[in-house]
PDB file of N, CA and C in Angstrom:
ATOM      1  N   UNK A   1       0.813  -1.249   0.107  1.00  0.00           N
ATOM      2  CA  UNK A   1      -0.147  -0.077   0.345  1.00  0.00           C
ATOM      3  C   UNK A   1       0.609   1.434   0.038  1.00  0.00           C
ATOM      4  N   UNK A   2       0.942   2.169  -0.651  1.00  0.00           N
ATOM      5  CA  UNK A   2       1.069   3.868  -0.943  1.00  0.00           C
ATOM      6  C   UNK A   2       0.402   4.536  -0.307  1.00  0.00           C
ATOM      7  N   UNK A   3       0.621   5.369   0.793  1.00  0.00           N
ATOM      8  CA  UNK A   3       0.318   6.575   1.722  1.00  0.00           C
ATOM      9  C   UNK A   3       0.620   7.661   0.668  1.00  0.00           C
ATOM     10  N   UNK A   4      -0.027   8.519   0.560  1.00  0.00           N
ATOM     11  CA  UNK A   4       0.799   9.634  -0.144  1.00  0.00           C
ATOM     12  C   UNK A   4       0.638  11.234   1.340  1.00  0.00           C
ATOM     13  N   UNK A   5       1.463  11.681   1.815  1.00  0.00           N
ATOM     14  CA  UNK A   5       0.907  12.723   2.412  1.00  0.00           C
ATOM     15  C   UNK A   5       1.859  14.013   2.233  1.00  0.00           C
ATOM     16  N   UNK A   6       1.124  15.270   2.391  1.00  0.00           N
ATOM     17  CA  UNK A   6       2.040  16.408   2.403  1.00  0.00           C
ATOM     18  C   UNK A   6       2.763  16.638   3.841  1.00  0.00           C
ATOM     19  N   UNK A   7       4.346  17.183   3.205  1.00  0.00           N
ATOM     20  CA  UNK A   7       5.219  17.340   4.001  1.00  0.00           C
ATOM     21  C   UNK A   7       4.758  17.954   5.550  1.00  0.00           C
ATOM     22  N   UNK A   8       3.836  18.819   6.045  1.00  0.00           N
ATOM     23  CA  UNK A   8       2.887  19.311   7.298  1.00  0.00           C
ATOM     24  C   UNK A   8       2.256  18.366   8.150  1.00  0.00           C
ATOM     25  N   UNK A   9       2.387  17.027   7.152  1.00  0.00           N
ATOM     26  CA  UNK A   9       1.148  15.727   8.029  1.00  0.00           C
ATOM     27  C   UNK A   9       2.184  14.880   8.657  1.00  0.00           C
ATOM     28  N   UNK A  10       3.564  15.411   8.381  1.00  0.00           N
ATOM     29  CA  UNK A  10       4.462  14.168   9.069  1.00  0.00           C
ATOM     30  C   UNK A  10       4.264  14.136  10.302  1.00  0.00           C
ATOM     31  N   UNK A  11       5.134  15.369  10.653  1.00  0.00           N
ATOM     32  CA  UNK A  11       5.701  15.623  12.229  1.00  0.00           C
ATOM     33  C   UNK A  11       4.668  15.020  13.071  1.00  0.00           C
ATOM     34  N   UNK A  12       3.553  14.974  13.043  1.00  0.00           N
ATOM     35  CA  UNK A  12       2.805  14.881  14.399  1.00  0.00           C
ATOM     36  C   UNK A  12       2.365  12.854  14.181  1.00  0.00           C
ATOM     37  N   UNK A  13       2.900  12.579  12.830  1.00  0.00           N
ATOM     38  CA  UNK A  13       2.115  11.078  12.402  1.00  0.00           C
ATOM     39  C   UNK A  13       3.231  10.434  12.391  1.00  0.00           C
ATOM     40  N   UNK A  14       4.411  10.681  12.981  1.00  0.00           N
ATOM     41  CA  UNK A  14       5.974  10.529  12.619  1.00  0.00           C
ATOM     42  C   UNK A  14       5.931   8.900  13.015  1.00  0.00           C
ATOM     43  N   UNK A  15       5.774   8.812  14.451  1.00  0.00           N
ATOM     44  CA  UNK A  15       5.658   7.204  15.036  1.00  0.00           C
ATOM     45  C   UNK A  15       4.504   6.377  13.808  1.00  0.00           C
ATOM     46  N   UNK A  16       3.551   6.979  14.184  1.00  0.00           N
ATOM     47  CA  UNK A  16       2.353   5.590  13.602  1.00  0.00           C
ATOM     48  C   UNK A  16       3.245   5.231  12.388  1.00  0.00           C
ATOM     49  N   UNK A  17       3.583   6.217  11.243  1.00  0.00           N
ATOM     50  CA  UNK A  17       3.983   5.865  10.001  1.00  0.00           C
ATOM     51  C   UNK A  17       5.131   4.705  10.236  1.00  0.00           C
ATOM     52  N   UNK A  18       6.311   4.971  10.957  1.00  0.00           N
ATOM     53  CA  UNK A  18       7.079   4.252  10.780  1.00  0.00           C
ATOM     54  C   UNK A  18       6.357   2.902  11.102  1.00  0.00           C
ATOM     55  N   UNK A  19       5.872   2.565  12.352  1.00  0.00           N
ATOM     56  CA  UNK A  19       5.421   1.151  12.909  1.00  0.00           C
ATOM     57  C   UNK A  19       4.105   1.305  11.165  1.00  0.00           C
ATOM     58  N   UNK A  20       3.898   1.512  10.609  1.00  0.00           N
ATOM     59  CA  UNK A  20       3.282   0.994   9.540  1.00  0.00           C
ATOM     60  C   UNK A  20       3.973   0.676   8.266  1.00  0.00           C
ATOM     61  N   UNK A  21       4.708   0.892   8.329  1.00  0.00           N
ATOM     62  CA  UNK A  21       6.006   0.927   6.887  1.00  0.00           C
ATOM     63  C   UNK A  21       6.485  -0.272   8.194  1.00  0.00           C
ATOM     64  N   UNK A  22       7.402  -0.265   8.959  1.00  0.00           N
ATOM     65  CA  UNK A  22       7.308  -1.361   9.629  1.00  0.00           C
ATOM     66  C   UNK A  22       6.599  -2.679   9.744  1.00  0.00           C
ATOM     67  N   UNK A  23       5.662  -2.619  10.150  1.00  0.00           N
ATOM     68  CA  UNK A  23       4.449  -3.595  10.562  1.00  0.00           C
ATOM     69  C   UNK A  23       3.688  -4.377   9.562  1.00  0.00           C
ATOM     70  N   UNK A  24       3.301  -3.205   8.593  1.00  0.00           N
ATOM     71  CA  UNK A  24       2.468  -3.295   7.242  1.00  0.00           C
ATOM     72  C   UNK A  24       2.958  -3.349   5.936  1.00  0.00           C
ATOM     73  N   UNK A  25       4.331  -3.137   5.968  1.00  0.00           N
ATOM     74  CA  UNK A  25       4.652  -3.059   4.861  1.00  0.00           C
ATOM     75  C   UNK A  25       4.371  -2.199   3.633  1.00  0.00           C
ATOM     76  N   UNK A  26       3.484  -1.313   4.678  1.00  0.00           N
ATOM     77  CA  UNK A  26       3.022  -0.102   3.977  1.00  0.00           C
ATOM     78  C   UNK A  26       4.109   0.907   3.559  1.00  0.00           C
ATOM     79  N   UNK A  27       4.038   1.113   2.246  1.00  0.00           N
ATOM     80  CA  UNK A  27       5.201   2.586   1.519  1.00  0.00           C
ATOM     81  C   UNK A  27       4.394   4.332   1.354  1.00  0.00           C
ATOM     82  N   UNK A  28       5.142   4.852   2.009  1.00  0.00           N
ATOM     83  CA  UNK A  28       4.917   6.316   2.569  1.00  0.00           C
ATOM     84  C   UNK A  28       5.418   7.592   1.377  1.00  0.00           C
ATOM     85  N   UNK A  29       4.740   8.138   0.311  1.00  0.00           N
ATOM     86  CA  UNK A  29       6.042   8.879  -0.440  1.00  0.00           C
ATOM     87  C   UNK A  29       5.315  10.319   0.202  1.00  0.00           C
ATOM     88  N   UNK A  30       5.945  10.923   0.338  1.00  0.00           N
ATOM     89  CA  UNK A  30       6.016  12.569   1.740  1.00  0.00           C
ATOM     90  C   UNK A  30       6.262  13.607   0.178  1.00  0.00           C
ATOM     91  N   UNK A  31       5.540  14.663   0.236  1.00  0.00           N
ATOM     92  CA  UNK A  31       5.313  15.913  -0.964  1.00  0.00           C
ATOM     93  C   UNK A  31       5.245  16.983  -0.447  1.00  0.00           C
ATOM     94  N   UNK A  32       6.059  17.640  -1.022  1.00  0.00           N
ATOM     95  CA  UNK A  32       6.207  19.421  -0.717  1.00  0.00           C
ATOM     96  C   UNK A  32       5.822  19.975  -1.970  1.00  0.00           C
ATOM     97  N   UNK A  33       4.539  21.138  -1.756  1.00  0.00           N
ATOM     98  CA  UNK A  33       4.291  21.259  -2.807  1.00  0.00           C
ATOM     99  C   UNK A  33       3.706  20.427  -4.118  1.00  0.00           C
ATOM    100  N   UNK A  34       3.604  19.402  -3.658  1.00  0.00           N
ATOM    101  CA  UNK A  34       2.934  18.364  -4.854  1.00  0.00           C
ATOM    102  C   UNK A  34       3.427  17.875  -5.364  1.00  0.00           C
ATOM    103  N   UNK A  35       4.714  17.753  -4.787  1.00  0.00           N
ATOM    104  CA  UNK A  35       6.320  17.039  -5.485  1.00  0.00           C
ATOM    105  C   UNK A  35       6.532  15.639  -4.899  1.00  0.00           C
ATOM    106  N   UNK A  36       6.625  14.887  -4.738  1.00  0.00           N
ATOM    107  CA  UNK A  36       7.036  13.772  -3.929  1.00  0.00           C
ATOM    108  C   UNK A  36       8.603  14.329  -3.623  1.00  0.00           C
ATOM    109  N   UNK A  37       9.269  13.880  -2.396  1.00  0.00           N
ATOM    110  CA  UNK A  37      10.511  14.222  -2.052  1.00  0.00           C
ATOM    111  C   UNK A  37      10.920  13.466  -1.583  1.00  0.00           C
ATOM    112  N   UNK A  38      10.129  12.839  -0.415  1.00  0.00           N
ATOM    113  CA  UNK A  38      10.922  11.678   0.281  1.00  0.00           C
ATOM    114  C   UNK A  38       9.681  10.522   0.096  1.00  0.00           C
ATOM    115  N   UNK A  39      10.602   9.558   0.376  1.00  0.00           N
ATOM    116  CA  UNK A  39       9.956   8.103   0.115  1.00  0.00           C
ATOM    117  C   UNK A  39       9.849   7.177   1.641  1.00  0.00           C
ATOM    118  N   UNK A  40       9.412   6.317   2.320  1.00  0.00           N
ATOM    119  CA  UNK A  40       9.650   5.617   3.383  1.00  0.00           C
ATOM    120  C   UNK A  40       9.194   4.144   3.340  1.00  0.00           C
ATOM    121  N   UNK A  41      10.462   3.099   3.050  1.00  0.00           N
ATOM    122  CA  UNK A  41      10.096   1.565   2.985  1.00  0.00           C
ATOM    123  C   UNK A  41      10.266   1.448   3.791  1.00  0.00           C
ATOM    124  N   UNK A  42      10.203  -0.321   4.275  1.00  0.00           N
ATOM    125  CA  UNK A  42      11.304  -0.986   4.976  1.00  0.00           C
ATOM    126  C   UNK A  42      12.747  -1.247   4.630  1.00  0.00           C
ATOM    127  N   UNK A  43      13.322  -1.180   5.334  1.00  0.00           N
ATOM    128  CA  UNK A  43      15.021  -1.131   5.355  1.00  0.00           C
ATOM    129  C   UNK A  43      14.892  -2.151   4.546  1.00  0.00           C
ATOM    130  N   UNK A  44      14.654  -3.618   4.492  1.00  0.00           N
ATOM    131  CA  UNK A  44      14.999  -4.666   3.954  1.00  0.00           C
ATOM    132  C   UNK A  44      14.152  -4.694   2.495  1.00  0.00           C
ATOM    133  N   UNK A  45      13.191  -3.719   1.830  1.00  0.00           N
ATOM    134  CA  UNK A  45      12.906  -3.876   0.884  1.00  0.00           C
ATOM    135  C   UNK A  45      14.042  -3.217   0.098  1.00  0.00           C
ATOM    136  N   UNK A  46      14.347  -1.719   0.555  1.00  0.00           N
ATOM    137  CA  UNK A  46      15.186  -1.037   0.130  1.00  0.00           C
ATOM    138  C   UNK A  46      17.139  -1.927  -0.122  1.00  0.00           C
ATOM    139  N   UNK A  47      17.433  -2.569   0.733  1.00  0.00           N
ATOM    140  CA  UNK A  47      19.049  -2.997   0.810  1.00  0.00           C
ATOM    141  C   UNK A  47      18.247  -4.422  -0.458  1.00  0.00           C
ATOM    142  N   UNK A  48      17.455  -4.643  -0.300  1.00  0.00           N
ATOM    143  CA  UNK A  48      17.285  -5.794  -1.614  1.00  0.00           C
ATOM    144  C   UNK A  48      16.999  -5.304  -2.588  1.00  0.00           C
ATOM    145  N   UNK A  49      16.707  -3.903  -3.212  1.00  0.00           N
ATOM    146  CA  UNK A  49      16.261  -3.443  -4.226  1.00  0.00           C
ATOM    147  C   UNK A  49      17.721  -3.084  -4.841  1.00  0.00           C
ATOM    148  N   UNK A  50      18.409  -2.140  -3.731  1.00  0.00           N
ATOM    149  CA  UNK A  50      19.566  -1.666  -3.851  1.00  0.00           C
ATOM    150  C   UNK A  50      20.839  -2.942  -4.503  1.00  0.00           C
ATOM    151  N   UNK A  51      20.423  -4.192  -4.125  1.00  0.00           N
ATOM    152  CA  UNK A  51      21.464  -5.097  -4.449  1.00  0.00           C
ATOM    153  C   UNK A  51      20.872  -5.868  -5.858  1.00  0.00           C
ATOM    154  N   UNK A  52      19.635  -5.646  -6.474  1.00  0.00           N
ATOM    155  CA  UNK A  52      18.717  -6.059  -7.531  1.00  0.00           C
ATOM    156  C   UNK A  52      19.331  -4.950  -8.319  1.00  0.00           C
ATOM    157  N   UNK A  53      19.635  -3.626  -8.367  1.00  0.00           N
ATOM    158  CA  UNK A  53      19.976  -2.855  -9.221  1.00  0.00           C
ATOM    159  C   UNK A  53      21.432  -3.010  -9.847  1.00  0.00           C
ATOM    160  N   UNK A  54      22.485  -3.482  -8.363  1.00  0.00           N
ATOM    161  CA  UNK A  54      23.892  -3.284  -8.773  1.00  0.00           C
ATOM    162  C   UNK A  54      24.229  -4.652  -8.946  1.00  0.00           C
ATOM    163  N   UNK A  55      23.703  -5.541  -9.196  1.00  0.00           N
ATOM    164  CA  UNK A  55      23.623  -6.842 -10.008  1.00  0.00           C
ATOM    165  C   UNK A  55      23.047  -6.388 -11.046  1.00  0.00           C
ATOM    166  N   UNK A  56      22.017  -5.992 -11.660  1.00  0.00           N
ATOM    167  CA  UNK A  56      21.803  -5.548 -12.698  1.00  0.00           C
ATOM    168  C   UNK A  56      22.364  -4.668 -13.760  1.00  0.00           C
ATOM    169  N   UNK A  57      23.156  -3.289 -12.779  1.00  0.00           N
ATOM    170  CA  UNK A  57      24.221  -2.469 -13.392  1.00  0.00           C
ATOM    171  C   UNK A  57      25.526  -3.596 -14.094  1.00  0.00           C
ATOM    172  N   UNK A  58      25.816  -4.232 -12.893  1.00  0.00           N
ATOM    173  CA  UNK A  58      27.172  -5.248 -12.954  1.00  0.00           C
ATOM    174  C   UNK A  58      26.674  -5.848 -14.738  1.00  0.00           C
ATOM    175  N   UNK A  59      25.731  -6.778 -14.412  1.00  0.00           N
ATOM    176  CA  UNK A  59      25.632  -7.152 -15.510  1.00  0.00           C
ATOM    177  C   UNK A  59      25.843  -6.708 -17.028  1.00  0.00           C
ATOM    178  N   UNK A  60      24.940  -5.658 -16.866  1.00  0.00           N
ATOM    179  CA  UNK A  60      24.848  -4.202 -18.020  1.00  0.00           C
ATOM    180  C   UNK A  60      26.419  -4.176 -18.203  1.00  0.00           C
ATOM    181  N   UNK A  61      27.528  -3.940 -17.728  1.00  0.00           N
ATOM    182  CA  UNK A  61      28.744  -3.561 -17.571  1.00  0.00           C
ATOM    183  C   UNK A  61      29.552  -4.432 -18.538  1.00  0.00           C
ATOM    184  N   UNK A  62      29.300  -6.175 -17.518  1.00  0.00           N
ATOM    185  CA  UNK A  62      29.758  -7.014 -18.541  1.00  0.00           C
ATOM    186  C   UNK A  62      29.431  -7.077 -19.808  1.00  0.00           C
ATOM    187  N   UNK A  63      28.731  -7.177 -19.900  1.00  0.00           N
ATOM    188  CA  UNK A  63      28.022  -7.290 -21.422  1.00  0.00           C
ATOM    189  C   UNK A  63      28.171  -6.440 -22.401  1.00  0.00           C
ATOM    190  N   UNK A  64      28.492  -4.773 -21.477  1.00  0.00           N
ATOM    191  CA  UNK A  64      28.861  -3.861 -22.524  1.00  0.00           C
ATOM    192  C   UNK A  64      30.622  -4.118 -22.830  1.00  0.00           C
ATOM    193  N   UNK A  65      31.007  -4.442 -21.662  1.00  0.00           N
ATOM    194  CA  UNK A  65      32.787  -4.618 -21.953  1.00  0.00           C
ATOM    195  C   UNK A  65      33.347  -5.901 -23.175  1.00  0.00           C
ATOM    196  N   UNK A  66      32.324  -6.960 -22.323  1.00  0.00           N
ATOM    197  CA  UNK A  66      32.228  -7.928 -23.939  1.00  0.00           C
ATOM    198  C   UNK A  66      31.987  -7.649 -25.376  1.00  0.00           C
ATOM    199  N   UNK A  67      31.418  -6.725 -25.708  1.00  0.00           N
ATOM    200  CA  UNK A  67      30.789  -6.296 -26.860  1.00  0.00           C
ATOM    201  C   UNK A  67      31.849  -5.171 -27.270  1.00  0.00           C
ATOM    202  N   UNK A  68      32.426  -4.538 -26.338  1.00  0.00           N
ATOM    203  CA  UNK A  68      33.566  -3.750 -26.809  1.00  0.00           C
ATOM    204  C   UNK A  68      34.777  -3.925 -26.812  1.00  0.00           C
ATOM    205  N   UNK A  69      34.837  -5.253 -26.310  1.00  0.00           N
ATOM    206  CA  UNK A  69      36.531  -6.048 -26.331  1.00  0.00           C
ATOM    207  C   UNK A  69      36.570  -7.039 -27.364  1.00  0.00           C
ATOM    208  N   UNK A  70      37.205  -6.985 -28.657  1.00  0.00           N
ATOM    209  CA  UNK A  70      37.276  -7.705 -29.441  1.00  0.00           C
ATOM    210  C   UNK A  70      38.170  -8.497 -29.112  1.00  0.00           C
ATOM    211  N   UNK A  71      39.078  -8.658 -28.344  1.00  0.00           N
ATOM    212  CA  UNK A  71      40.227  -9.825 -27.824  1.00  0.00           C
ATOM    213  C   UNK A  71      39.294 -10.451 -26.299  1.00  0.00           C
ATOM    214  N   UNK A  72      38.095 -10.395 -26.498  1.00  0.00           N
ATOM    215  CA  UNK A  72      37.429 -11.459 -24.710  1.00  0.00           C
ATOM    216  C   UNK A  72      37.608 -12.427 -25.308  1.00  0.00           C
ATOM    217  N   UNK A  73      38.239 -13.188 -24.130  1.00  0.00           N
ATOM    218  CA  UNK A  73      38.684 -14.773 -24.391  1.00  0.00           C
ATOM    219  C   UNK A  73      37.742 -15.397 -23.158  1.00  0.00           C
ATOM    220  N   UNK A  74      37.675 -16.671 -23.413  1.00  0.00           N
ATOM    221  CA  UNK A  74      36.893 -17.246 -22.110  1.00  0.00           C
ATOM    222  C   UNK A  74      37.804 -18.188 -21.396  1.00  0.00           C
ATOM    223  N   UNK A  75      37.830 -18.730 -20.347  1.00  0.00           N
ATOM    224  CA  UNK A  75      38.284 -19.902 -19.718  1.00  0.00           C
ATOM    225  C   UNK A  75      38.846 -20.897 -20.513  1.00  0.00           C
ATOM    226  N   UNK A  76      37.829 -21.222 -21.444  1.00  0.00           N
ATOM    227  CA  UNK A  76      38.374 -22.879 -21.728  1.00  0.00           C
ATOM    228  C   UNK A  76      39.524 -22.291 -22.906  1.00  0.00           C
ATOM    229  N   UNK A  77      40.120 -20.834 -23.074  1.00  0.00           N
ATOM    230  CA  UNK A  77      40.756 -20.236 -23.835  1.00  0.00           C
ATOM    231  C   UNK A  77      42.110 -20.228 -23.186  1.00  0.00           C
ATOM    232  N   UNK A  78      41.932 -19.907 -22.012  1.00  0.00           N
ATOM    233  CA  UNK A  78      42.598 -19.942 -21.218  1.00  0.00           C
ATOM    234  C   UNK A  78      43.809 -21.180 -20.883  1.00  0.00           C
ATOM    235  N   UNK A  79      42.619 -22.093 -20.714  1.00  0.00           N
ATOM    236  CA  UNK A  79      43.090 -23.197 -20.444  1.00  0.00           C
ATOM    237  C   UNK A  79      44.033 -24.077 -21.312  1.00  0.00           C
ATOM    238  N   UNK A  80      43.942 -24.073 -22.673  1.00  0.00           N
ATOM    239  CA  UNK A  80      44.117 -24.365 -23.886  1.00  0.00           C
ATOM    240  C   UNK A  80      45.780 -23.536 -24.244  1.00  0.00           C
ATOM    241  N   UNK A  81      45.383 -22.372 -23.939  1.00  0.00           N
ATOM    242  CA  UNK A  81      46.897 -21.930 -24.103  1.00  0.00           C
ATOM    243  C   UNK A  81      48.078 -22.295 -23.093  1.00  0.00           C
ATOM    244  N   UNK A  82      47.322 -22.520 -21.765  1.00  0.00           N
ATOM    245  CA  UNK A  82      48.224 -23.269 -20.512  1.00  0.00           C
ATOM    246  C   UNK A  82      48.373 -24.918 -21.310  1.00  0.00           C
ATOM    247  N   UNK A  83      47.980 -25.274 -21.971  1.00  0.00           N
ATOM    248  CA  UNK A  83      48.014 -26.811 -22.297  1.00  0.00           C
ATOM    249  C   UNK A  83      49.609 -26.822 -23.020  1.00  0.00           C
ATOM    250  N   UNK A  84      49.012 -25.652 -24.073  1.00  0.00           N
ATOM    251  CA  UNK A  84      50.051 -25.147 -24.851  1.00  0.00           C
ATOM    252  C   UNK A  84      51.537 -25.039 -24.640  1.00  0.00           C
ATOM    253  N   UNK A  85      51.842 -24.027 -23.506  1.00  0.00           N
ATOM    254  CA  UNK A  85      52.681 -23.757 -22.929  1.00  0.00           C
ATOM    255  C   UNK A  85      53.934 -24.546 -22.144  1.00  0.00           C
ATOM    256  N   UNK A  86      52.359 -25.109 -21.841  1.00  0.00           N
ATOM    257  CA  UNK A  86      53.307 -26.206 -20.553  1.00  0.00           C
ATOM    258  C   UNK A  86      53.175 -28.127 -21.585  1.00  0.00           C
ATOM    259  N   UNK A  87      52.446 -28.034 -21.912  1.00  0.00           N
ATOM    260  CA  UNK A  87      52.579 -29.578 -22.596  1.00  0.00           C
ATOM    261  C   UNK A  87      51.656 -30.212 -21.971  1.00  0.00           C
ATOM    262  N   UNK A  88      50.306 -29.750 -21.039  1.00  0.00           N
ATOM    263  CA  UNK A  88      49.547 -30.551 -20.776  1.00  0.00           C
ATOM    264  C   UNK A  88      48.311 -30.771 -21.079  1.00  0.00           C
ATOM    265  N   UNK A  89      47.819 -31.532 -20.524  1.00  0.00           N
ATOM    266  CA  UNK A  89      46.204 -32.093 -21.075  1.00  0.00           C
ATOM    267  C   UNK A  89      45.097 -31.658 -20.050  1.00  0.00           C
ATOM    268  N   UNK A  90      45.455 -30.413 -19.255  1.00  0.00           N
ATOM    269  CA  UNK A  90      44.318 -30.266 -18.239  1.00  0.00           C
ATOM    270  C   UNK A  90      42.705 -29.987 -19.319  1.00  0.00           C
ATOM    271  N   UNK A  91      41.924 -30.608 -18.749  1.00  0.00           N
ATOM    272  CA  UNK A  91      40.395 -30.203 -18.920  1.00  0.00           C
ATOM    273  C   UNK A  91      39.237 -29.887 -18.017  1.00  0.00           C
ATOM    274  N   UNK A  92      38.532 -28.869 -18.316  1.00  0.00           N
ATOM    275  CA  UNK A  92      37.916 -28.420 -17.004  1.00  0.00           C
ATOM    276  C   UNK A  92      37.175 -28.904 -16.359  1.00  0.00           C
ATOM    277  N   UNK A  93      36.611 -30.536 -16.688  1.00  0.00           N
ATOM    278  CA  UNK A  93      36.321 -31.433 -16.060  1.00  0.00           C
ATOM    279  C   UNK A  93      37.170 -31.859 -15.188  1.00  0.00           C
ATOM    280  N   UNK A  94      39.038 -32.091 -14.924  1.00  0.00           N
ATOM    281  CA  UNK A  94      39.168 -32.112 -14.529  1.00  0.00           C
ATOM    282  C   UNK A  94      39.955 -31.599 -13.120  1.00  0.00           C
ATOM    283  N   UNK A  95      39.704 -29.907 -13.539  1.00  0.00           N
ATOM    284  CA  UNK A  95      40.039 -29.020 -12.649  1.00  0.00           C
ATOM    285  C   UNK A  95      39.279 -29.160 -11.145  1.00  0.00           C
ATOM    286  N   UNK A  96      37.917 -29.962 -11.693  1.00  0.00           N
ATOM    287  CA  UNK A  96      37.168 -30.418 -10.194  1.00  0.00           C
ATOM    288  C   UNK A  96      37.217 -30.928  -9.285  1.00  0.00           C
ATOM    289  N   UNK A  97      38.202 -31.567  -9.543  1.00  0.00           N
ATOM    290  CA  UNK A  97      38.639 -33.006  -8.621  1.00  0.00           C
ATOM    291  C   UNK A  97      40.202 -31.971  -7.440  1.00  0.00           C
ATOM    292  N   UNK A  98      40.726 -31.003  -8.629  1.00  0.00           N
ATOM    293  CA  UNK A  98      42.008 -30.673  -7.978  1.00  0.00           C
ATOM    294  C   UNK A  98      41.590 -30.399  -6.501  1.00  0.00           C
TER     295      UNK A  98
END
């Protein structure tokens, strides 16, 4: 549930608003001059949202780095180079046992 309040209403109701957010998972939007300026949400909701945004940004940056880099190579390429340099026959499946 999202409640919208004017900033003047908050002072006398702050304690109750905090309980509503904490206990009922309400979301509160506080406006000033008809424009949203502050939101109140549960801390766990905020941290989960921020983590999801960071994960999405990391994925986007990784995709962009791969697309921008013609020399991108995977682990299999590194392993093949290692095998060639050291004359070994390591395979990804065998590394799980090391």
